[in-house]
Amino acid sequence: MGVAAKKLTWDDIKDWPESHGRTELVDGELVMSPVPSKRHQRLCHRLGRPIGSFVEGHNLGEFYEHPIHVILAGGVNYEPDLCFIAKGRDPDPNSSAFNGSPDLIIEIISESNREHDTGAKFRHYEKYGVREYWLVDQKTEIEVWLLEEGKYVSPGNFGRGQPVLTRVLKGLRLDPGQVF
């Protein structure tokens, strides 16, 4: 006879120390990832700088260049690489977590997390209504997914010289050549 494992929630892990890396919940199961590589962090910064400046310059909301806890449901909690929350959508800007679906989530893919980012995260971001999801290949391109009638559709992959198509940040002109 097996023992049923308890499904975890944000309340179970919210006070854990952050020094060990990322702590996420996927359908109540704990998923821990190591601290991202220097290349990964450099790409986050290179993407974050122009997007953050655009968001701030147009007073659109908050752009997080460092992971924050995003609670999509009781047992679904992620720490996206980059995240945008439109103005007026965050009822508690002083909290360490955001309850709900951000408007834009960007994940930098590395081989160690490819399946997680393109599988579970993709399905959950779509299911819980993240309006745009970008998957960034560490060397060549940005794959954009737009939420339409509850399903993600992709206008394509964008490489050097091809400005990224975004609905959430209208007017942003981001050439992946600035990033890679």
N, C-alpha and C. Protein backbone atom coordinates (compact mmCIF):
# COMPACT_ATOMS: atom_id res chain seq x y z
N MET A 1 0.85 -1.18 0.00
CA MET A 1 0.00 0.00 0.00
C MET A 1 0.89 1.24 0.00
N GLY A 2 0.71 2.12 -0.97
CA GLY A 2 1.52 3.33 -1.09
C GLY A 2 1.00 4.45 -0.21
N VAL A 3 1.88 5.40 0.01
CA VAL A 3 1.54 6.58 0.80
C VAL A 3 1.28 7.73 -0.18
N ALA A 4 0.16 8.38 -0.05
CA ALA A 4 -0.18 9.51 -0.92
C ALA A 4 0.67 10.72 -0.52
N ALA A 5 1.31 11.31 -1.50
CA ALA A 5 2.11 12.50 -1.25
C ALA A 5 1.19 13.72 -1.22
N LYS A 6 1.49 14.64 -0.31
CA LYS A 6 0.72 15.87 -0.20
C LYS A 6 1.05 16.79 -1.37
N LYS A 7 0.03 17.34 -2.00
CA LYS A 7 0.24 18.34 -3.04
C LYS A 7 0.57 19.65 -2.35
N LEU A 8 1.65 20.29 -2.77
CA LEU A 8 2.09 21.54 -2.15
C LEU A 8 1.38 22.75 -2.76
N THR A 9 1.33 23.83 -1.99
CA THR A 9 0.80 25.11 -2.45
C THR A 9 1.82 26.19 -2.13
N TRP A 10 1.54 27.40 -2.59
CA TRP A 10 2.39 28.55 -2.31
C TRP A 10 2.58 28.73 -0.81
N ASP A 11 1.54 28.56 -0.02
CA ASP A 11 1.65 28.73 1.43
C ASP A 11 2.66 27.76 2.04
N ASP A 12 2.83 26.59 1.45
CA ASP A 12 3.78 25.61 1.97
C ASP A 12 5.24 26.03 1.72
N ILE A 13 5.50 26.77 0.65
CA ILE A 13 6.90 27.07 0.29
C ILE A 13 7.28 28.53 0.37
N LYS A 14 6.34 29.42 0.65
CA LYS A 14 6.62 30.86 0.54
C LYS A 14 7.71 31.37 1.47
N ASP A 15 7.97 30.69 2.57
CA ASP A 15 8.99 31.15 3.51
C ASP A 15 10.31 30.41 3.38
N TRP A 16 10.46 29.58 2.37
CA TRP A 16 11.71 28.87 2.17
C TRP A 16 12.80 29.84 1.75
N PRO A 17 14.07 29.55 2.09
CA PRO A 17 15.17 30.45 1.65
C PRO A 17 15.34 30.39 0.14
N GLU A 18 15.79 31.49 -0.44
CA GLU A 18 15.91 31.62 -1.89
C GLU A 18 17.30 31.26 -2.43
N SER A 19 18.27 31.00 -1.59
CA SER A 19 19.65 30.86 -2.03
C SER A 19 19.95 29.60 -2.85
N HIS A 20 19.06 28.64 -2.84
CA HIS A 20 19.33 27.36 -3.49
C HIS A 20 18.98 27.35 -4.98
N GLY A 21 18.35 28.34 -5.49
CA GLY A 21 17.93 28.37 -6.89
C GLY A 21 16.43 28.60 -6.96
N ARG A 22 15.83 28.19 -8.06
CA ARG A 22 14.40 28.41 -8.25
C ARG A 22 13.58 27.29 -7.65
N THR A 23 12.47 27.69 -7.06
CA THR A 23 11.53 26.74 -6.48
C THR A 23 10.18 26.98 -7.12
N GLU A 24 9.69 26.01 -7.87
CA GLU A 24 8.42 26.15 -8.56
C GLU A 24 7.52 24.96 -8.21
N LEU A 25 6.23 25.18 -8.37
CA LEU A 25 5.26 24.11 -8.16
C LEU A 25 4.56 23.82 -9.48
N VAL A 26 4.54 22.55 -9.84
CA VAL A 26 3.86 22.11 -11.06
C VAL A 26 2.81 21.10 -10.62
N ASP A 27 1.56 21.52 -10.64
CA ASP A 27 0.46 20.68 -10.19
C ASP A 27 0.71 20.12 -8.79
N GLY A 28 1.21 20.99 -7.91
CA GLY A 28 1.43 20.63 -6.52
C GLY A 28 2.73 19.90 -6.24
N GLU A 29 3.53 19.63 -7.27
CA GLU A 29 4.80 18.94 -7.07
C GLU A 29 5.94 19.94 -7.17
N LEU A 30 6.90 19.80 -6.27
CA LEU A 30 8.04 20.71 -6.19
C LEU A 30 9.02 20.43 -7.33
N VAL A 31 9.40 21.49 -8.04
CA VAL A 31 10.43 21.42 -9.08
C VAL A 31 11.48 22.45 -8.72
N MET A 32 12.71 21.98 -8.52
CA MET A 32 13.80 22.89 -8.16
C MET A 32 14.80 22.94 -9.31
N SER A 33 15.26 24.14 -9.60
CA SER A 33 16.24 24.35 -10.67
C SER A 33 17.44 25.07 -10.10
N PRO A 34 18.63 24.79 -10.63
CA PRO A 34 19.81 25.50 -10.14
C PRO A 34 19.78 26.97 -10.55
N VAL A 35 20.64 27.75 -9.94
CA VAL A 35 20.80 29.15 -10.32
C VAL A 35 21.19 29.17 -11.80
N PRO A 36 20.58 30.05 -12.60
CA PRO A 36 20.89 30.09 -14.04
C PRO A 36 22.35 30.42 -14.31
N SER A 37 22.85 29.98 -15.47
CA SER A 37 24.23 30.24 -15.87
C SER A 37 24.45 31.73 -16.10
N LYS A 38 25.71 32.12 -16.19
CA LYS A 38 26.03 33.53 -16.46
C LYS A 38 25.50 33.95 -17.83
N ARG A 39 25.59 33.07 -18.83
CA ARG A 39 25.07 33.39 -20.17
C ARG A 39 23.56 33.63 -20.11
N HIS A 40 22.87 32.77 -19.39
CA HIS A 40 21.43 32.90 -19.22
C HIS A 40 21.10 34.25 -18.59
N GLN A 41 21.80 34.61 -17.55
CA GLN A 41 21.56 35.88 -16.86
C GLN A 41 21.91 37.07 -17.74
N ARG A 42 22.96 36.93 -18.54
CA ARG A 42 23.35 38.01 -19.46
C ARG A 42 22.24 38.24 -20.49
N LEU A 43 21.66 37.16 -21.03
CA LEU A 43 20.56 37.30 -21.98
C LEU A 43 19.34 37.94 -21.33
N CYS A 44 19.05 37.57 -20.09
CA CYS A 44 17.94 38.20 -19.37
C CYS A 44 18.16 39.71 -19.28
N HIS A 45 19.37 40.10 -18.97
CA HIS A 45 19.68 41.52 -18.86
C HIS A 45 19.58 42.22 -20.21
N ARG A 46 20.11 41.59 -21.27
CA ARG A 46 20.07 42.20 -22.60
C ARG A 46 18.64 42.34 -23.12
N LEU A 47 17.78 41.41 -22.77
CA LEU A 47 16.37 41.52 -23.14
C LEU A 47 15.65 42.50 -22.21
N GLY A 48 15.97 42.40 -20.95
CA GLY A 48 15.28 43.20 -19.94
C GLY A 48 15.52 44.69 -20.06
N ARG A 49 16.73 45.07 -20.42
CA ARG A 49 17.06 46.49 -20.49
C ARG A 49 16.17 47.25 -21.48
N PRO A 50 16.08 46.85 -22.76
CA PRO A 50 15.22 47.62 -23.69
C PRO A 50 13.73 47.48 -23.38
N ILE A 51 13.29 46.30 -22.95
CA ILE A 51 11.88 46.12 -22.65
C ILE A 51 11.51 46.92 -21.40
N GLY A 52 12.34 46.84 -20.37
CA GLY A 52 12.09 47.60 -19.15
C GLY A 52 12.05 49.10 -19.40
N SER A 53 12.96 49.59 -20.23
CA SER A 53 12.98 51.02 -20.57
C SER A 53 11.70 51.42 -21.31
N PHE A 54 11.25 50.57 -22.22
CA PHE A 54 10.03 50.83 -22.98
C PHE A 54 8.83 50.89 -22.03
N VAL A 55 8.71 49.89 -21.16
CA VAL A 55 7.59 49.83 -20.22
C VAL A 55 7.59 51.05 -19.31
N GLU A 56 8.75 51.39 -18.78
CA GLU A 56 8.85 52.54 -17.88
C GLU A 56 8.59 53.85 -18.62
N GLY A 57 9.17 54.00 -19.80
CA GLY A 57 9.00 55.22 -20.58
C GLY A 57 7.57 55.49 -21.01
N HIS A 58 6.78 54.44 -21.15
CA HIS A 58 5.39 54.57 -21.57
C HIS A 58 4.41 54.36 -20.41
N ASN A 59 4.96 54.21 -19.20
CA ASN A 59 4.16 54.05 -17.98
C ASN A 59 3.10 52.94 -18.14
N LEU A 60 3.57 51.76 -18.60
CA LEU A 60 2.66 50.67 -18.93
C LEU A 60 2.38 49.72 -17.77
N GLY A 61 3.22 49.74 -16.76
CA GLY A 61 3.07 48.81 -15.64
C GLY A 61 4.42 48.47 -15.07
N GLU A 62 4.60 47.21 -14.67
CA GLU A 62 5.86 46.77 -14.07
C GLU A 62 6.48 45.66 -14.90
N PHE A 63 7.78 45.80 -15.14
CA PHE A 63 8.55 44.78 -15.83
C PHE A 63 9.60 44.26 -14.87
N TYR A 64 9.63 42.96 -14.69
CA TYR A 64 10.56 42.34 -13.75
C TYR A 64 11.66 41.62 -14.51
N GLU A 65 12.89 42.11 -14.32
CA GLU A 65 14.06 41.54 -14.97
C GLU A 65 14.66 40.42 -14.13
N HIS A 66 14.17 40.26 -12.92
CA HIS A 66 14.61 39.18 -12.05
C HIS A 66 13.38 38.37 -11.68
N PRO A 67 13.56 37.08 -11.44
CA PRO A 67 12.39 36.24 -11.18
C PRO A 67 11.55 36.71 -9.98
N ILE A 68 10.25 36.68 -10.17
CA ILE A 68 9.30 36.88 -9.07
C ILE A 68 8.41 35.64 -9.04
N HIS A 69 7.80 35.39 -7.92
CA HIS A 69 6.89 34.26 -7.82
C HIS A 69 5.57 34.64 -8.49
N VAL A 70 5.13 33.79 -9.40
CA VAL A 70 3.85 33.97 -10.07
C VAL A 70 2.97 32.79 -9.67
N ILE A 71 1.88 33.09 -8.98
CA ILE A 71 0.97 32.06 -8.52
C ILE A 71 -0.22 32.02 -9.47
N LEU A 72 -0.27 30.99 -10.30
CA LEU A 72 -1.34 30.85 -11.27
C LEU A 72 -2.56 30.14 -10.69
N ALA A 73 -2.31 29.22 -9.76
CA ALA A 73 -3.37 28.45 -9.09
C ALA A 73 -2.78 27.89 -7.81
N GLY A 74 -3.60 27.22 -7.01
CA GLY A 74 -3.15 26.69 -5.73
C GLY A 74 -1.85 25.91 -5.78
N GLY A 75 -1.69 25.02 -6.70
CA GLY A 75 -0.49 24.21 -6.80
C GLY A 75 0.34 24.50 -8.02
N VAL A 76 0.17 25.68 -8.60
CA VAL A 76 0.93 26.06 -9.81
C VAL A 76 1.58 27.41 -9.57
N ASN A 77 2.90 27.36 -9.36
CA ASN A 77 3.68 28.54 -9.03
C ASN A 77 4.98 28.49 -9.83
N TYR A 78 5.26 29.57 -10.57
CA TYR A 78 6.49 29.62 -11.36
C TYR A 78 7.29 30.88 -11.03
N GLU A 79 8.56 30.86 -11.44
CA GLU A 79 9.44 32.02 -11.34
C GLU A 79 9.98 32.30 -12.75
N PRO A 80 9.22 33.02 -13.57
CA PRO A 80 9.68 33.27 -14.94
C PRO A 80 10.95 34.12 -14.96
N ASP A 81 11.72 33.97 -16.03
CA ASP A 81 12.95 34.76 -16.17
C ASP A 81 12.63 36.25 -16.25
N LEU A 82 11.66 36.61 -17.08
CA LEU A 82 11.25 38.00 -17.26
C LEU A 82 9.73 38.04 -17.29
N CYS A 83 9.17 39.13 -16.79
CA CYS A 83 7.72 39.15 -16.61
C CYS A 83 7.21 40.60 -16.65
N PHE A 84 6.10 40.80 -17.36
CA PHE A 84 5.46 42.12 -17.42
C PHE A 84 4.03 42.00 -16.90
N ILE A 85 3.68 42.94 -16.01
CA ILE A 85 2.32 43.03 -15.47
C ILE A 85 1.82 44.44 -15.76
N ALA A 86 0.73 44.52 -16.51
CA ALA A 86 0.18 45.81 -16.94
C ALA A 86 -0.25 46.66 -15.75
N LYS A 87 -0.19 47.94 -15.96
CA LYS A 87 -0.56 48.93 -14.95
C LYS A 87 -1.96 48.64 -14.39
N GLY A 88 -2.07 48.70 -13.07
CA GLY A 88 -3.34 48.53 -12.40
C GLY A 88 -3.75 47.08 -12.15
N ARG A 89 -2.92 46.12 -12.55
CA ARG A 89 -3.29 44.71 -12.38
C ARG A 89 -2.72 44.08 -11.12
N ASP A 90 -1.79 44.75 -10.43
CA ASP A 90 -1.16 44.15 -9.25
C ASP A 90 -1.72 44.81 -8.00
N PRO A 91 -2.62 44.12 -7.28
CA PRO A 91 -3.24 44.72 -6.10
C PRO A 91 -2.28 44.90 -4.92
N ASP A 92 -1.16 44.16 -4.91
CA ASP A 92 -0.21 44.26 -3.80
C ASP A 92 1.22 44.32 -4.34
N PRO A 93 1.66 45.49 -4.82
CA PRO A 93 2.99 45.60 -5.41
C PRO A 93 4.14 45.39 -4.42
N ASN A 94 3.86 45.35 -3.13
CA ASN A 94 4.91 45.13 -2.13
C ASN A 94 5.10 43.66 -1.79
N SER A 95 4.26 42.79 -2.30
CA SER A 95 4.34 41.36 -2.04
C SER A 95 5.49 40.74 -2.82
N SER A 96 5.98 39.60 -2.36
CA SER A 96 7.04 38.88 -3.08
C SER A 96 6.45 37.99 -4.18
N ALA A 97 5.14 37.96 -4.29
CA ALA A 97 4.48 37.12 -5.29
C ALA A 97 3.38 37.89 -5.99
N PHE A 98 3.07 37.46 -7.22
CA PHE A 98 1.95 38.00 -7.97
C PHE A 98 0.93 36.89 -8.12
N ASN A 99 -0.28 37.13 -7.66
CA ASN A 99 -1.37 36.17 -7.80
C ASN A 99 -2.14 36.48 -9.08
N GLY A 100 -2.02 35.61 -10.07
CA GLY A 100 -2.71 35.81 -11.33
C GLY A 100 -1.78 35.57 -12.50
N SER A 101 -2.27 35.90 -13.68
CA SER A 101 -1.51 35.68 -14.91
C SER A 101 -0.89 36.98 -15.38
N PRO A 102 0.43 37.05 -15.45
CA PRO A 102 1.07 38.22 -16.02
C PRO A 102 0.64 38.40 -17.49
N ASP A 103 0.85 39.58 -18.00
CA ASP A 103 0.50 39.87 -19.39
C ASP A 103 1.53 39.29 -20.36
N LEU A 104 2.79 39.25 -19.94
CA LEU A 104 3.87 38.72 -20.77
C LEU A 104 4.84 37.97 -19.88
N ILE A 105 5.21 36.77 -20.31
CA ILE A 105 6.27 36.00 -19.65
C ILE A 105 7.28 35.63 -20.71
N ILE A 106 8.56 35.80 -20.35
CA ILE A 106 9.66 35.45 -21.24
C ILE A 106 10.55 34.45 -20.51
N GLU A 107 10.81 33.33 -21.16
CA GLU A 107 11.71 32.31 -20.61
C GLU A 107 12.89 32.14 -21.55
N ILE A 108 14.10 32.12 -20.97
CA ILE A 108 15.33 31.82 -21.71
C ILE A 108 15.51 30.31 -21.64
N ILE A 109 15.55 29.65 -22.78
CA ILE A 109 15.65 28.19 -22.80
C ILE A 109 17.11 27.76 -22.72
N SER A 110 17.37 26.83 -21.83
CA SER A 110 18.65 26.14 -21.83
C SER A 110 18.33 24.65 -21.93
N GLU A 111 19.29 23.85 -22.30
CA GLU A 111 19.02 22.43 -22.50
C GLU A 111 18.48 21.76 -21.24
N SER A 112 18.92 22.24 -20.08
CA SER A 112 18.47 21.61 -18.83
C SER A 112 17.01 21.92 -18.51
N ASN A 113 16.43 22.97 -19.12
CA ASN A 113 15.03 23.31 -18.80
C ASN A 113 14.12 23.35 -20.03
N ARG A 114 14.60 22.95 -21.18
CA ARG A 114 13.82 23.04 -22.42
C ARG A 114 12.45 22.36 -22.28
N GLU A 115 12.42 21.14 -21.81
CA GLU A 115 11.17 20.40 -21.71
C GLU A 115 10.21 21.07 -20.72
N HIS A 116 10.74 21.60 -19.64
CA HIS A 116 9.93 22.28 -18.62
C HIS A 116 9.29 23.54 -19.22
N ASP A 117 10.09 24.34 -19.94
CA ASP A 117 9.59 25.60 -20.52
C ASP A 117 8.62 25.38 -21.67
N THR A 118 8.88 24.37 -22.50
CA THR A 118 8.04 24.13 -23.67
C THR A 118 6.90 23.16 -23.38
N GLY A 119 6.92 22.53 -22.22
CA GLY A 119 5.89 21.57 -21.84
C GLY A 119 4.97 22.12 -20.77
N ALA A 120 5.30 21.83 -19.52
CA ALA A 120 4.43 22.20 -18.39
C ALA A 120 4.16 23.70 -18.33
N LYS A 121 5.21 24.51 -18.43
CA LYS A 121 5.01 25.97 -18.35
C LYS A 121 4.12 26.45 -19.50
N PHE A 122 4.41 25.98 -20.70
CA PHE A 122 3.62 26.38 -21.86
C PHE A 122 2.14 26.09 -21.62
N ARG A 123 1.84 24.85 -21.20
CA ARG A 123 0.45 24.45 -20.96
C ARG A 123 -0.20 25.29 -19.87
N HIS A 124 0.52 25.53 -18.77
CA HIS A 124 -0.05 26.31 -17.68
C HIS A 124 -0.22 27.78 -18.05
N TYR A 125 0.75 28.36 -18.71
CA TYR A 125 0.63 29.77 -19.11
C TYR A 125 -0.57 29.94 -20.04
N GLU A 126 -0.76 29.00 -20.94
CA GLU A 126 -1.91 29.04 -21.84
C GLU A 126 -3.21 28.85 -21.05
N LYS A 127 -3.27 27.84 -20.22
CA LYS A 127 -4.48 27.51 -19.45
C LYS A 127 -4.91 28.65 -18.54
N TYR A 128 -3.94 29.31 -17.90
CA TYR A 128 -4.28 30.36 -16.93
C TYR A 128 -4.27 31.76 -17.51
N GLY A 129 -4.13 31.89 -18.83
CA GLY A 129 -4.37 33.16 -19.50
C GLY A 129 -3.23 34.15 -19.59
N VAL A 130 -1.98 33.69 -19.64
CA VAL A 130 -0.86 34.60 -19.90
C VAL A 130 -0.99 35.04 -21.35
N ARG A 131 -1.16 36.34 -21.58
CA ARG A 131 -1.49 36.85 -22.92
C ARG A 131 -0.40 36.61 -23.96
N GLU A 132 0.87 36.70 -23.55
CA GLU A 132 1.99 36.42 -24.46
C GLU A 132 3.05 35.63 -23.73
N TYR A 133 3.64 34.69 -24.47
CA TYR A 133 4.72 33.87 -23.93
C TYR A 133 5.82 33.83 -24.98
N TRP A 134 7.02 34.27 -24.57
CA TRP A 134 8.17 34.24 -25.47
C TRP A 134 9.13 33.17 -24.99
N LEU A 135 9.58 32.34 -25.91
CA LEU A 135 10.63 31.34 -25.65
C LEU A 135 11.87 31.81 -26.39
N VAL A 136 12.95 32.03 -25.65
CA VAL A 136 14.16 32.59 -26.22
C VAL A 136 15.23 31.53 -26.32
N ASP A 137 15.61 31.21 -27.56
CA ASP A 137 16.73 30.31 -27.79
C ASP A 137 17.99 31.10 -27.44
N GLN A 138 18.92 30.49 -26.76
CA GLN A 138 20.08 31.23 -26.26
C GLN A 138 21.03 31.72 -27.35
N LYS A 139 20.83 31.29 -28.59
CA LYS A 139 21.79 31.68 -29.62
C LYS A 139 21.18 32.41 -30.80
N THR A 140 19.91 32.11 -31.14
CA THR A 140 19.47 32.58 -32.45
C THR A 140 18.15 33.31 -32.55
N GLU A 141 17.14 32.94 -31.76
CA GLU A 141 15.82 33.49 -32.06
C GLU A 141 14.90 33.56 -30.86
N ILE A 142 13.82 34.31 -31.08
CA ILE A 142 12.76 34.44 -30.08
C ILE A 142 11.47 33.91 -30.72
N GLU A 143 10.87 32.93 -30.06
CA GLU A 143 9.61 32.35 -30.52
C GLU A 143 8.49 32.99 -29.70
N VAL A 144 7.52 33.59 -30.38
CA VAL A 144 6.44 34.31 -29.71
C VAL A 144 5.15 33.50 -29.80
N TRP A 145 4.42 33.46 -28.68
CA TRP A 145 3.11 32.81 -28.63
C TRP A 145 2.10 33.82 -28.12
N LEU A 146 1.00 34.00 -28.86
CA LEU A 146 -0.05 34.95 -28.50
C LEU A 146 -1.32 34.17 -28.14
N LEU A 147 -1.96 34.56 -27.06
CA LEU A 147 -3.18 33.88 -26.63
C LEU A 147 -4.37 34.40 -27.44
N GLU A 148 -5.05 33.48 -28.13
CA GLU A 148 -6.24 33.81 -28.91
C GLU A 148 -7.32 32.80 -28.57
N GLU A 149 -8.42 33.28 -28.01
CA GLU A 149 -9.55 32.44 -27.63
C GLU A 149 -9.10 31.24 -26.79
N GLY A 150 -8.20 31.50 -25.83
CA GLY A 150 -7.77 30.47 -24.90
C GLY A 150 -6.68 29.53 -25.38
N LYS A 151 -6.18 29.74 -26.59
CA LYS A 151 -5.13 28.88 -27.15
C LYS A 151 -3.98 29.74 -27.67
N TYR A 152 -2.76 29.22 -27.54
CA TYR A 152 -1.62 29.93 -28.08
C TYR A 152 -1.48 29.69 -29.58
N VAL A 153 -1.23 30.77 -30.29
CA VAL A 153 -0.88 30.70 -31.71
C VAL A 153 0.42 31.49 -31.87
N SER A 154 1.23 31.05 -32.79
CA SER A 154 2.53 31.71 -32.98
C SER A 154 2.58 32.46 -34.30
N PRO A 155 2.90 33.75 -34.23
CA PRO A 155 3.11 34.49 -35.48
C PRO A 155 4.47 34.18 -36.09
N GLY A 156 5.30 33.41 -35.37
CA GLY A 156 6.59 33.00 -35.91
C GLY A 156 7.74 33.13 -34.93
N ASN A 157 8.91 32.83 -35.47
CA ASN A 157 10.16 32.98 -34.73
C ASN A 157 10.89 34.18 -35.32
N PHE A 158 11.54 34.94 -34.45
CA PHE A 158 12.17 36.18 -34.88
C PHE A 158 13.66 36.14 -34.58
N GLY A 159 14.46 36.38 -35.62
CA GLY A 159 15.92 36.39 -35.48
C GLY A 159 16.46 37.78 -35.80
N ARG A 160 17.76 37.85 -35.97
CA ARG A 160 18.42 39.13 -36.27
C ARG A 160 17.73 39.85 -37.43
N GLY A 161 17.48 41.15 -37.23
CA GLY A 161 16.88 41.96 -38.28
C GLY A 161 15.38 41.81 -38.43
N GLN A 162 14.74 40.99 -37.58
CA GLN A 162 13.29 40.78 -37.65
C GLN A 162 12.67 41.24 -36.33
N PRO A 163 12.18 42.45 -36.24
CA PRO A 163 11.60 42.92 -34.97
C PRO A 163 10.52 41.97 -34.46
N VAL A 164 10.56 41.72 -33.16
CA VAL A 164 9.62 40.80 -32.52
C VAL A 164 8.21 41.37 -32.59
N LEU A 165 7.26 40.54 -32.98
CA LEU A 165 5.85 40.93 -33.01
C LEU A 165 5.27 40.73 -31.62
N THR A 166 4.74 41.80 -31.03
CA THR A 166 4.12 41.73 -29.71
C THR A 166 2.82 42.52 -29.71
N ARG A 167 1.81 41.96 -29.09
CA ARG A 167 0.54 42.68 -28.94
C ARG A 167 0.49 43.39 -27.59
N VAL A 168 1.10 42.79 -26.61
CA VAL A 168 1.04 43.32 -25.25
C VAL A 168 1.80 44.64 -25.13
N LEU A 169 2.94 44.74 -25.79
CA LEU A 169 3.77 45.95 -25.71
C LEU A 169 3.76 46.65 -27.08
N LYS A 170 2.58 47.12 -27.46
CA LYS A 170 2.43 47.78 -28.76
C LYS A 170 3.41 48.95 -28.89
N GLY A 171 4.09 48.98 -30.03
CA GLY A 171 5.05 50.04 -30.29
C GLY A 171 6.48 49.65 -29.97
N LEU A 172 6.69 48.55 -29.25
CA LEU A 172 8.05 48.09 -28.95
C LEU A 172 8.68 47.57 -30.24
N ARG A 173 9.90 48.04 -30.51
CA ARG A 173 10.66 47.54 -31.66
C ARG A 173 11.91 46.88 -31.10
N LEU A 174 11.84 45.58 -30.94
CA LEU A 174 12.97 44.83 -30.40
C LEU A 174 13.53 43.92 -31.47
N ASP A 175 14.75 44.20 -31.88
CA ASP A 175 15.46 43.36 -32.85
C ASP A 175 16.26 42.34 -32.03
N PRO A 176 16.03 41.04 -32.24
CA PRO A 176 16.82 40.05 -31.52
C PRO A 176 18.33 40.23 -31.68
N GLY A 177 18.76 40.93 -32.73
CA GLY A 177 20.18 41.24 -32.90
C GLY A 177 20.74 42.04 -31.74
N GLN A 178 19.88 42.77 -31.03
CA GLN A 178 20.30 43.52 -29.85
C GLN A 178 20.62 42.57 -28.69
N VAL A 179 20.09 41.38 -28.75
CA VAL A 179 20.16 40.44 -27.63
C VAL A 179 21.27 39.43 -27.82
N PHE A 180 21.37 38.85 -29.03
CA PHE A 180 22.30 37.74 -29.25
C PHE A 180 23.68 38.22 -29.64
